[in-house]
Amino acid sequence: MSDTSGKPAPTLAIEVRDLHKSFDGQPALRGVDLVVPEGTTCVLMGVSGSGKSVLMKHIMGLIRPDRGTVLVEGQEVARMDESELDQMRRKQGILFQANALFDSLNVFDNVAFPLRERTQMSEVEIRETVNKTLAKVGLSHATERFPGELSGGMQKRVGFARATILQPKILLYDDPTAGLDPLTTAAVNEIIVTGKQQLGATSIVITPDVASAFGMADNLALMHEGRIVESGPPAAFRESQHPAVKAFLRNWLARRSQNRPPQG
C-alpha cells in the first residue's frame, strides 16, 4: 500500500479508531483517533483529566473500550484473551510516573526482575544482561544501592533500564518528568531519545512539558475534553490555529515565565 505521494505507507505500531469510554456515566474518551507509525515517538499533551492516561491504559489492555478499536501491531486489543494480552505486554516497556521500583530490592535485582519472571535465562546470563543494560544508562556503579538511596533522576534511569531489559518494541511513558528539576528533566528526556535510538522502539510519552515534547517528538497530539483535537509534527503544531492548542501553549508559556528565576 502507498500514500498519495507514491511512497509506501508506514507500518502502524498503534492505531486507535473512534475510541469511547465513560466511568459512572462521565465520558473520559469521546471518539479518539490516533495513529503511531512504527519506530516513531508520539507525545500526548493536555491538561489533567483530558483523557491521556485513560487512552494509554487502553493501549496496555488494562481497560476495555465502550466503543471503538485499539490495534497494537495490527491486533485488536479488546479481542485478546489473557494469554494474548500477556504476550502483547511482553513487547511493551512501561515507565510509570512514580517509577514503581521495589524498595526492598537493590538496583541490580530491580532490573533483573523481568528476566527472572519472564525468561528461562540462567543467573550468569541475567547478570551479563543486567550489567550491560545498567552500563547503557550510566549506573554500573549503583548495582548494590536501593531505590531510597538514589536521586530522582537515578531512579528514573533504573526504571528505564527495567522497562527496556526485555528489548520491547513499544515503550510507554506516563509523565516521566513529573516533579523533577530542570537538569533531571533534561536527563530523562535524553533517556527517552536513547530508547528510540538503541531499540528502534515505538514510543508514546505523556507529558505536560511543551519544551520536552517539542524536543523528542516525531508527532504531537493534544487531548482536550476526551478527544485529540490536533496532531502532527512539532513544526506544524506550532502553527496550529486550533483554539485549544493556542490556549494550551499560551498557558504553558505563562507558567514557565512565572517559574523562571529572576535575573540579576
Protein backbone atom coordinates (compact mmCIF):
# COMPACT_ATOMS: atom_id res chain seq x y z
CA MET A 1 0.00 0.00 0.00
CA SER A 2 1.24 3.50 -0.84
CA ASP A 3 0.23 7.02 0.14
CA THR A 4 -0.67 9.73 -2.36
CA SER A 5 3.00 10.58 -2.89
CA GLY A 6 3.70 7.09 -4.18
CA LYS A 7 5.80 6.17 -1.13
CA PRO A 8 4.98 3.00 0.83
CA ALA A 9 2.59 3.75 3.68
CA PRO A 10 4.29 3.50 7.09
CA THR A 11 3.67 0.41 9.20
CA LEU A 12 1.48 1.36 12.15
CA ALA A 13 2.54 0.12 15.57
CA ILE A 14 -0.57 1.58 17.22
CA GLU A 15 -3.89 2.62 15.72
CA VAL A 16 -6.85 3.98 17.68
CA ARG A 17 -10.21 4.46 15.95
CA ASP A 18 -13.24 6.29 17.38
CA LEU A 19 -12.45 5.25 20.96
CA HIS A 20 -15.09 5.96 23.60
CA LYS A 21 -15.00 5.29 27.34
CA SER A 22 -17.14 6.51 30.26
CA PHE A 23 -16.88 5.95 34.00
CA ASP A 24 -20.04 6.19 36.11
CA GLY A 25 -21.75 7.97 33.23
CA GLN A 26 -18.97 10.55 32.86
CA PRO A 27 -17.27 10.46 29.43
CA ALA A 28 -13.47 10.16 29.60
CA LEU A 29 -12.85 9.48 25.90
CA ARG A 30 -15.20 10.88 23.27
CA GLY A 31 -14.06 9.41 19.97
CA VAL A 32 -10.26 9.34 20.00
CA ASP A 33 -8.42 8.73 16.72
CA LEU A 34 -4.64 8.26 16.74
CA VAL A 35 -2.03 6.57 14.57
CA VAL A 36 1.57 5.96 15.66
CA PRO A 37 3.89 4.69 12.91
CA GLU A 38 6.45 2.06 13.83
CA GLY A 39 9.68 3.44 15.24
CA THR A 40 8.36 6.95 15.94
CA THR A 41 7.79 8.91 19.15
CA CYS A 42 4.32 10.36 19.76
CA VAL A 43 3.88 12.78 22.65
CA LEU A 44 0.43 13.17 24.20
CA MET A 45 -0.23 16.53 25.80
CA GLY A 46 -3.23 18.02 27.54
CA VAL A 47 -4.43 19.31 30.89
CA SER A 48 -5.19 16.95 33.76
CA GLY A 49 -8.38 14.99 33.12
CA SER A 50 -8.25 15.30 29.34
CA GLY A 51 -8.01 11.51 28.89
CA LYS A 52 -4.30 10.87 28.28
CA SER A 53 -3.77 8.16 30.90
CA VAL A 54 -7.10 6.51 30.07
CA LEU A 55 -6.00 6.26 26.44
CA MET A 56 -2.66 4.74 27.44
CA LYS A 57 -4.39 2.15 29.64
CA HIS A 58 -6.45 1.07 26.62
CA ILE A 59 -3.23 0.58 24.65
CA MET A 60 -1.88 -1.56 27.51
CA GLY A 61 -5.09 -3.59 27.55
CA LEU A 62 -5.92 -2.59 31.13
CA ILE A 63 -9.27 -1.04 30.14
CA ARG A 64 -11.83 -2.27 27.62
CA PRO A 65 -13.48 0.37 25.43
CA ASP A 66 -17.20 1.10 25.41
CA ARG A 67 -16.94 1.66 21.68
CA GLY A 68 -14.17 1.89 19.11
CA THR A 69 -10.99 -0.02 18.34
CA VAL A 70 -7.41 -0.16 19.61
CA LEU A 71 -4.95 -2.03 17.40
CA VAL A 72 -1.42 -2.86 18.56
CA GLU A 73 0.73 -4.26 15.74
CA GLY A 74 -2.46 -4.89 13.81
CA GLN A 75 -4.15 -6.92 16.56
CA GLU A 76 -7.32 -5.68 18.27
CA VAL A 77 -6.57 -5.43 21.97
CA ALA A 78 -10.18 -5.79 23.16
CA ARG A 79 -10.46 -9.19 21.45
CA MET A 80 -7.38 -10.63 23.16
CA ASP A 81 -7.70 -13.23 25.90
CA GLU A 82 -5.46 -13.12 28.98
CA SER A 83 -2.73 -15.20 27.35
CA GLU A 84 -2.67 -12.96 24.28
CA LEU A 85 -2.66 -9.83 26.46
CA ASP A 86 0.31 -11.19 28.38
CA GLN A 87 2.19 -11.82 25.14
CA MET A 88 1.41 -8.27 23.95
CA ARG A 89 2.57 -6.73 27.23
CA ARG A 90 5.86 -8.61 26.97
CA LYS A 91 6.53 -6.43 23.92
CA GLN A 92 5.76 -3.24 25.88
CA GLY A 93 8.08 -1.42 28.24
CA ILE A 94 6.34 0.90 30.68
CA LEU A 95 7.90 3.72 32.70
CA PHE A 96 5.47 4.99 35.29
CA GLN A 97 5.44 8.47 36.79
CA ALA A 98 6.47 7.07 40.19
CA ASN A 99 8.95 4.55 38.68
CA ALA A 100 7.25 1.62 40.52
CA LEU A 101 10.57 0.27 41.79
CA PHE A 102 10.66 -2.36 44.53
CA ASP A 103 12.01 -0.61 47.63
CA SER A 104 13.21 -3.89 49.13
CA LEU A 105 15.31 -4.82 46.08
CA ASN A 106 18.60 -3.23 45.09
CA VAL A 107 19.18 -1.74 41.66
CA PHE A 108 20.51 -4.96 40.17
CA ASP A 109 17.58 -7.06 41.38
CA ASN A 110 15.01 -4.44 40.31
CA VAL A 111 16.35 -4.54 36.76
CA ALA A 112 16.76 -8.33 36.80
CA PHE A 113 13.16 -8.87 37.93
CA PRO A 114 11.56 -9.11 34.42
CA LEU A 115 14.24 -11.54 33.27
CA ARG A 116 13.65 -13.82 36.26
CA GLU A 117 9.87 -13.63 35.87
CA ARG A 118 9.54 -13.95 32.11
CA THR A 119 12.58 -15.78 30.74
CA GLN A 120 14.46 -19.01 31.27
CA MET A 121 17.85 -17.27 31.47
CA SER A 122 20.48 -18.64 33.81
CA GLU A 123 21.77 -16.38 36.58
CA VAL A 124 25.01 -15.98 34.66
CA GLU A 125 23.08 -14.75 31.59
CA ILE A 126 20.92 -12.49 33.76
CA ARG A 127 23.97 -10.90 35.38
CA GLU A 128 25.57 -10.25 32.00
CA THR A 129 22.37 -8.75 30.55
CA VAL A 130 21.64 -6.55 33.58
CA ASN A 131 25.21 -5.25 33.75
CA LYS A 132 25.14 -4.32 30.05
CA THR A 133 21.78 -2.57 30.45
CA LEU A 134 22.88 -0.62 33.52
CA ALA A 135 26.07 0.43 31.75
CA LYS A 136 23.99 1.97 28.95
CA VAL A 137 22.25 4.27 31.45
CA GLY A 138 25.40 5.07 33.44
CA LEU A 139 24.53 3.07 36.56
CA SER A 140 27.22 0.40 36.66
CA HIS A 141 28.41 1.85 39.97
CA ALA A 142 24.99 1.62 41.64
CA THR A 143 24.07 -2.07 41.40
CA GLU A 144 24.01 -2.65 45.18
CA ARG A 145 22.17 0.53 46.11
CA PHE A 146 18.48 0.63 46.99
CA PRO A 147 15.87 2.99 45.44
CA GLY A 148 15.67 5.08 48.61
CA GLU A 149 19.37 5.84 48.29
CA LEU A 150 19.05 7.23 44.75
CA SER A 151 18.22 10.66 43.39
CA GLY A 152 15.03 11.14 41.38
CA GLY A 153 16.96 11.10 38.12
CA MET A 154 18.80 7.90 39.03
CA GLN A 155 15.52 6.24 39.95
CA LYS A 156 14.17 7.16 36.52
CA ARG A 157 17.20 5.57 34.89
CA VAL A 158 16.70 2.38 36.90
CA GLY A 159 13.04 2.39 35.85
CA PHE A 160 14.07 2.85 32.21
CA ALA A 161 16.61 0.02 32.46
CA ARG A 162 13.97 -2.32 33.87
CA ALA A 163 11.40 -1.24 31.27
CA THR A 164 13.80 -1.94 28.40
CA ILE A 165 15.61 -5.06 29.68
CA LEU A 166 13.40 -7.33 27.52
CA GLN A 167 14.03 -5.10 24.46
CA PRO A 168 10.38 -4.14 23.93
CA LYS A 169 9.07 -2.94 20.59
CA ILE A 170 6.80 -0.35 22.24
CA LEU A 171 7.72 1.99 25.10
CA LEU A 172 5.05 3.81 27.13
CA TYR A 173 5.98 6.72 29.40
CA ASP A 174 3.38 8.13 31.81
CA ASP A 175 4.52 11.66 32.71
CA PRO A 176 8.15 10.59 33.31
CA THR A 177 9.40 14.06 34.28
CA ALA A 178 6.70 14.93 36.82
CA GLY A 179 8.14 16.74 39.83
CA LEU A 180 11.71 16.74 38.56
CA ASP A 181 14.08 19.69 38.43
CA PRO A 182 15.18 21.04 35.00
CA LEU A 183 18.51 19.21 34.96
CA THR A 184 16.93 15.87 35.84
CA THR A 185 14.14 16.51 33.33
CA ALA A 186 16.74 17.02 30.61
CA ALA A 187 18.41 13.75 31.61
CA VAL A 188 15.12 11.85 31.44
CA ASN A 189 14.34 13.34 28.03
CA GLU A 190 17.74 12.14 26.85
CA ILE A 191 16.91 8.65 28.14
CA ILE A 192 13.70 8.62 26.07
CA VAL A 193 15.58 9.64 22.93
CA THR A 194 18.22 6.99 23.70
CA GLY A 195 15.48 4.34 23.96
CA LYS A 196 14.36 5.13 20.45
CA GLN A 197 17.90 5.15 19.08
CA GLN A 198 19.10 1.98 20.82
CA LEU A 199 15.97 -0.14 20.47
CA GLY A 200 14.28 1.38 17.42
CA ALA A 201 11.18 1.26 19.61
CA THR A 202 7.87 2.99 19.05
CA SER A 203 7.21 5.36 21.96
CA ILE A 204 4.19 7.12 23.42
CA VAL A 205 5.02 9.76 26.02
CA ILE A 206 2.54 11.59 28.24
CA THR A 207 3.90 14.94 29.37
CA PRO A 208 2.56 18.44 30.09
CA ASP A 209 6.02 19.91 29.41
CA VAL A 210 5.92 21.51 25.98
CA ALA A 211 9.69 22.07 25.82
CA SER A 212 10.32 18.35 26.44
CA ALA A 213 7.63 17.38 23.96
CA PHE A 214 8.98 19.51 21.13
CA GLY A 215 12.48 18.19 21.75
CA MET A 216 11.68 14.48 21.50
CA ALA A 217 8.53 14.07 19.41
CA ASP A 218 8.14 12.98 15.82
CA ASN A 219 4.47 13.81 16.26
CA LEU A 220 2.48 15.67 18.92
CA ALA A 221 -1.14 15.13 19.86
CA LEU A 222 -3.19 17.42 22.09
CA MET A 223 -6.04 15.86 24.04
CA HIS A 224 -8.88 18.17 25.03
CA GLU A 225 -12.08 17.02 26.72
CA GLY A 226 -11.61 13.41 25.71
CA ARG A 227 -10.65 13.99 22.10
CA ILE A 228 -7.46 14.55 20.13
CA VAL A 229 -8.08 17.98 18.67
CA GLU A 230 -4.74 18.42 16.89
CA SER A 231 -1.90 16.12 15.86
CA GLY A 232 1.16 16.48 13.68
CA PRO A 233 4.90 17.14 13.68
CA PRO A 234 6.25 19.84 16.02
CA ALA A 235 6.74 22.40 13.24
CA ALA A 236 3.10 22.16 12.15
CA PHE A 237 1.89 22.05 15.75
CA ARG A 238 3.49 25.41 16.48
CA GLU A 239 1.45 26.96 13.67
CA SER A 240 -1.86 25.42 14.72
CA GLN A 241 -4.80 27.78 14.84
CA HIS A 242 -7.00 25.48 16.90
CA PRO A 243 -8.23 27.43 19.96
CA ALA A 244 -7.42 24.61 22.39
CA VAL A 245 -3.85 24.32 21.08
CA LYS A 246 -3.28 28.06 21.25
CA ALA A 247 -4.68 28.20 24.80
CA PHE A 248 -2.55 25.23 25.93
CA LEU A 249 0.66 26.74 24.55
CA ARG A 250 -0.20 30.19 25.93
CA ASN A 251 -0.88 28.79 29.42
CA TRP A 252 2.35 26.77 29.36
CA LEU A 253 4.36 29.86 28.39
CA ALA A 254 2.71 31.82 31.21
CA ARG A 255 3.54 29.13 33.79
CA ARG A 256 7.08 28.90 32.51
CA SER A 257 7.52 32.65 32.81
CA GLN A 258 6.21 32.63 36.38
CA ASN A 259 8.58 29.82 37.38
CA ARG A 260 11.65 31.40 35.80
CA PRO A 261 14.11 32.71 38.42
CA PRO A 262 14.65 36.49 38.48
CA GLN A 263 17.62 37.84 36.52
CA GLY A 264 20.40 39.92 38.01
